[in-house]
């Protein structure tokens, strides 16, 4: 897997190949103001979790250098075992 760097609404965002759809979601599928909620949360709390329209789960992580990283995460198990 390779790391991709992209500008998303003025924020430098990186992620592995499996996070490409999460980057696209923030950049193209939702409005700027909606995406900024996730960037603000990550900047204030260190991370923000979100789900795209296809049910894929991601975490947006704020780096100390002012950049962001997106990681794909597994869907949470809804079972009790």
N, C-alpha and C. Protein backbone atom coordinates (compact mmCIF):
# COMPACT_ATOMS: atom_id res chain seq x y z
N UNK A 1 0.84 -1.19 0.00
CA UNK A 1 0.00 0.00 0.00
C UNK A 1 0.88 1.25 0.00
N UNK A 2 0.40 2.23 -0.66
CA UNK A 2 1.15 3.48 -0.71
C UNK A 2 0.37 4.58 0.00
N UNK A 3 1.09 5.54 0.46
CA UNK A 3 0.47 6.67 1.15
C UNK A 3 0.15 7.74 0.11
N UNK A 4 -1.07 8.26 0.19
CA UNK A 4 -1.51 9.33 -0.70
C UNK A 4 -1.61 10.62 0.08
N UNK A 5 -1.16 11.71 -0.50
CA UNK A 5 -1.30 13.05 0.10
C UNK A 5 -2.22 13.86 -0.79
N UNK A 6 -3.14 14.57 -0.16
CA UNK A 6 -4.07 15.38 -0.94
C UNK A 6 -4.51 16.61 -0.16
N UNK A 7 -4.87 17.65 -0.89
CA UNK A 7 -5.45 18.83 -0.29
C UNK A 7 -6.97 18.64 -0.26
N UNK A 8 -7.54 18.72 0.94
CA UNK A 8 -8.98 18.59 1.11
C UNK A 8 -9.47 19.86 1.80
N UNK A 9 -10.11 20.72 1.05
CA UNK A 9 -10.64 21.97 1.59
C UNK A 9 -9.57 22.78 2.33
N UNK A 10 -8.36 22.79 1.78
CA UNK A 10 -7.28 23.56 2.37
C UNK A 10 -6.50 22.84 3.46
N UNK A 11 -6.83 21.59 3.73
CA UNK A 11 -6.13 20.79 4.74
C UNK A 11 -5.30 19.72 4.04
N UNK A 12 -4.04 19.54 4.48
CA UNK A 12 -3.21 18.48 3.92
C UNK A 12 -3.61 17.17 4.60
N UNK A 13 -4.06 16.21 3.78
CA UNK A 13 -4.56 14.93 4.28
C UNK A 13 -3.79 13.81 3.62
N UNK A 14 -3.39 12.82 4.40
CA UNK A 14 -2.72 11.65 3.86
C UNK A 14 -3.46 10.39 4.32
N UNK A 15 -3.24 9.33 3.58
CA UNK A 15 -3.86 8.06 3.93
C UNK A 15 -3.35 6.96 3.03
N UNK A 16 -3.51 5.74 3.49
CA UNK A 16 -3.14 4.57 2.69
C UNK A 16 -4.19 4.39 1.60
N UNK A 17 -3.94 3.45 0.70
CA UNK A 17 -4.87 3.19 -0.39
C UNK A 17 -6.27 2.86 0.11
N UNK A 18 -6.37 2.16 1.24
CA UNK A 18 -7.69 1.76 1.74
C UNK A 18 -8.48 2.93 2.33
N UNK A 19 -7.85 4.10 2.46
CA UNK A 19 -8.54 5.28 2.98
C UNK A 19 -8.94 6.26 1.86
N UNK A 20 -8.66 5.89 0.62
CA UNK A 20 -8.94 6.78 -0.51
C UNK A 20 -10.41 7.21 -0.56
N UNK A 21 -11.32 6.29 -0.35
CA UNK A 21 -12.74 6.62 -0.41
C UNK A 21 -13.15 7.55 0.72
N UNK A 22 -12.50 7.46 1.87
CA UNK A 22 -12.76 8.37 2.97
C UNK A 22 -12.30 9.78 2.65
N UNK A 23 -11.16 9.88 1.99
CA UNK A 23 -10.66 11.19 1.55
C UNK A 23 -11.62 11.78 0.51
N UNK A 24 -12.03 10.95 -0.43
CA UNK A 24 -12.99 11.41 -1.45
C UNK A 24 -14.30 11.86 -0.83
N UNK A 25 -14.76 11.15 0.19
CA UNK A 25 -16.01 11.51 0.86
C UNK A 25 -15.92 12.91 1.45
N UNK A 26 -14.84 13.20 2.18
CA UNK A 26 -14.68 14.52 2.77
C UNK A 26 -14.50 15.60 1.71
N UNK A 27 -13.86 15.25 0.61
CA UNK A 27 -13.53 16.24 -0.41
C UNK A 27 -14.67 16.51 -1.38
N UNK A 28 -15.47 15.48 -1.71
CA UNK A 28 -16.45 15.62 -2.79
C UNK A 28 -17.89 15.30 -2.41
N UNK A 29 -18.09 14.39 -1.47
CA UNK A 29 -19.45 13.88 -1.22
C UNK A 29 -20.26 14.70 -0.22
N UNK A 30 -19.59 15.46 0.62
CA UNK A 30 -20.31 16.30 1.57
C UNK A 30 -19.88 17.75 1.37
N UNK A 31 -20.70 18.65 1.86
CA UNK A 31 -20.41 20.06 1.69
C UNK A 31 -19.23 20.48 2.57
N UNK A 32 -18.61 21.58 2.17
CA UNK A 32 -17.45 22.12 2.90
C UNK A 32 -17.73 22.26 4.39
N UNK A 33 -18.86 22.86 4.75
CA UNK A 33 -19.17 23.09 6.17
C UNK A 33 -19.33 21.78 6.93
N UNK A 34 -19.86 20.76 6.28
CA UNK A 34 -19.99 19.45 6.92
C UNK A 34 -18.61 18.83 7.15
N UNK A 35 -17.74 18.93 6.17
CA UNK A 35 -16.39 18.38 6.30
C UNK A 35 -15.62 19.10 7.40
N UNK A 36 -15.80 20.42 7.50
CA UNK A 36 -15.08 21.20 8.51
C UNK A 36 -15.41 20.74 9.94
N UNK A 37 -16.59 20.21 10.15
CA UNK A 37 -16.95 19.68 11.47
C UNK A 37 -15.97 18.57 11.86
N UNK A 38 -15.65 17.69 10.92
CA UNK A 38 -14.72 16.60 11.20
C UNK A 38 -13.30 17.12 11.42
N UNK A 39 -12.88 18.08 10.61
CA UNK A 39 -11.54 18.65 10.78
C UNK A 39 -11.43 19.38 12.12
N UNK A 40 -12.45 20.13 12.49
CA UNK A 40 -12.44 20.83 13.78
C UNK A 40 -12.38 19.85 14.94
N UNK A 41 -13.19 18.80 14.87
CA UNK A 41 -13.20 17.77 15.93
C UNK A 41 -11.83 17.13 16.06
N UNK A 42 -11.22 16.76 14.93
CA UNK A 42 -9.90 16.13 14.97
C UNK A 42 -8.86 17.08 15.54
N UNK A 43 -8.93 18.35 15.18
CA UNK A 43 -7.97 19.33 15.69
C UNK A 43 -8.13 19.52 17.20
N UNK A 44 -9.36 19.54 17.68
CA UNK A 44 -9.62 19.78 19.10
C UNK A 44 -9.44 18.54 19.96
N UNK A 45 -9.84 17.39 19.46
CA UNK A 45 -9.83 16.15 20.26
C UNK A 45 -8.74 15.17 19.86
N UNK A 46 -8.06 15.43 18.74
CA UNK A 46 -7.03 14.52 18.28
C UNK A 46 -7.50 13.59 17.18
N UNK A 47 -8.80 13.30 17.15
CA UNK A 47 -9.34 12.45 16.10
C UNK A 47 -10.84 12.65 15.96
N UNK A 48 -11.35 12.26 14.81
CA UNK A 48 -12.78 12.30 14.54
C UNK A 48 -13.12 11.05 13.74
N UNK A 49 -14.14 10.32 14.18
CA UNK A 49 -14.58 9.14 13.47
C UNK A 49 -15.77 9.50 12.59
N UNK A 50 -15.82 8.91 11.41
CA UNK A 50 -16.94 9.15 10.52
C UNK A 50 -17.18 7.93 9.63
N UNK A 51 -18.33 7.93 9.01
CA UNK A 51 -18.74 6.85 8.11
C UNK A 51 -19.16 7.48 6.79
N UNK A 52 -18.76 6.88 5.68
CA UNK A 52 -19.16 7.41 4.39
C UNK A 52 -20.54 6.87 4.00
N UNK A 53 -21.01 7.24 2.82
CA UNK A 53 -22.33 6.84 2.35
C UNK A 53 -22.46 5.34 2.11
N UNK A 54 -21.35 4.66 2.00
CA UNK A 54 -21.35 3.21 1.75
C UNK A 54 -21.18 2.41 3.04
N UNK A 55 -21.15 3.08 4.17
CA UNK A 55 -21.02 2.40 5.46
C UNK A 55 -19.59 2.05 5.84
N UNK A 56 -18.62 2.59 5.12
CA UNK A 56 -17.21 2.35 5.47
C UNK A 56 -16.83 3.31 6.58
N UNK A 57 -16.07 2.82 7.55
CA UNK A 57 -15.70 3.60 8.73
C UNK A 57 -14.27 4.10 8.64
N UNK A 58 -14.08 5.37 9.05
CA UNK A 58 -12.77 6.01 8.99
C UNK A 58 -12.51 6.80 10.26
N UNK A 59 -11.24 7.05 10.51
CA UNK A 59 -10.83 7.94 11.58
C UNK A 59 -9.93 9.00 10.97
N UNK A 60 -10.27 10.25 11.22
CA UNK A 60 -9.46 11.40 10.80
C UNK A 60 -8.62 11.80 12.00
N UNK A 61 -7.31 11.77 11.85
CA UNK A 61 -6.37 12.02 12.94
C UNK A 61 -5.60 13.30 12.67
N UNK A 62 -5.54 14.15 13.69
CA UNK A 62 -4.79 15.41 13.58
C UNK A 62 -3.35 15.16 14.01
N UNK A 63 -2.41 15.56 13.17
CA UNK A 63 -0.98 15.44 13.48
C UNK A 63 -0.46 16.74 14.06
N UNK A 64 0.55 16.65 14.89
CA UNK A 64 1.12 17.82 15.56
C UNK A 64 1.69 18.85 14.58
N UNK A 65 2.00 18.43 13.35
CA UNK A 65 2.53 19.37 12.36
C UNK A 65 1.43 20.10 11.59
N UNK A 66 0.16 19.90 12.00
CA UNK A 66 -0.95 20.60 11.37
C UNK A 66 -1.57 19.87 10.19
N UNK A 67 -1.06 18.69 9.89
CA UNK A 67 -1.64 17.88 8.81
C UNK A 67 -2.61 16.86 9.41
N UNK A 68 -3.28 16.14 8.54
CA UNK A 68 -4.25 15.13 8.97
C UNK A 68 -3.95 13.81 8.29
N UNK A 69 -4.37 12.72 8.94
CA UNK A 69 -4.23 11.38 8.38
C UNK A 69 -5.59 10.69 8.50
N UNK A 70 -5.98 9.98 7.47
CA UNK A 70 -7.22 9.19 7.51
C UNK A 70 -6.84 7.73 7.52
N UNK A 71 -7.47 6.99 8.43
CA UNK A 71 -7.28 5.55 8.51
C UNK A 71 -8.63 4.87 8.39
N UNK A 72 -8.69 3.81 7.63
CA UNK A 72 -9.91 3.03 7.55
C UNK A 72 -9.94 2.12 8.77
N UNK A 73 -11.12 1.98 9.36
CA UNK A 73 -11.25 1.07 10.49
C UNK A 73 -12.35 0.07 10.22
N UNK A 74 -12.27 -1.04 10.90
CA UNK A 74 -13.27 -2.08 10.74
C UNK A 74 -14.58 -1.65 11.35
N UNK A 75 -15.66 -2.14 10.79
CA UNK A 75 -16.98 -1.85 11.36
C UNK A 75 -17.03 -2.45 12.76
N UNK A 76 -17.66 -1.72 13.67
CA UNK A 76 -17.81 -2.20 15.04
C UNK A 76 -18.73 -3.42 15.03
N UNK A 77 -18.38 -4.38 15.83
CA UNK A 77 -19.22 -5.56 15.95
C UNK A 77 -20.47 -5.24 16.73
N UNK A 78 -21.60 -5.67 16.24
CA UNK A 78 -22.85 -5.42 16.96
C UNK A 78 -23.25 -6.63 17.80
N UNK A 79 -22.44 -7.66 17.77
CA UNK A 79 -22.75 -8.86 18.55
C UNK A 79 -22.31 -8.73 19.99
N UNK A 80 -22.77 -9.63 20.82
CA UNK A 80 -22.43 -9.59 22.24
C UNK A 80 -21.28 -10.54 22.57
N UNK A 81 -20.75 -11.22 21.58
CA UNK A 81 -19.67 -12.18 21.83
C UNK A 81 -18.39 -11.74 21.21
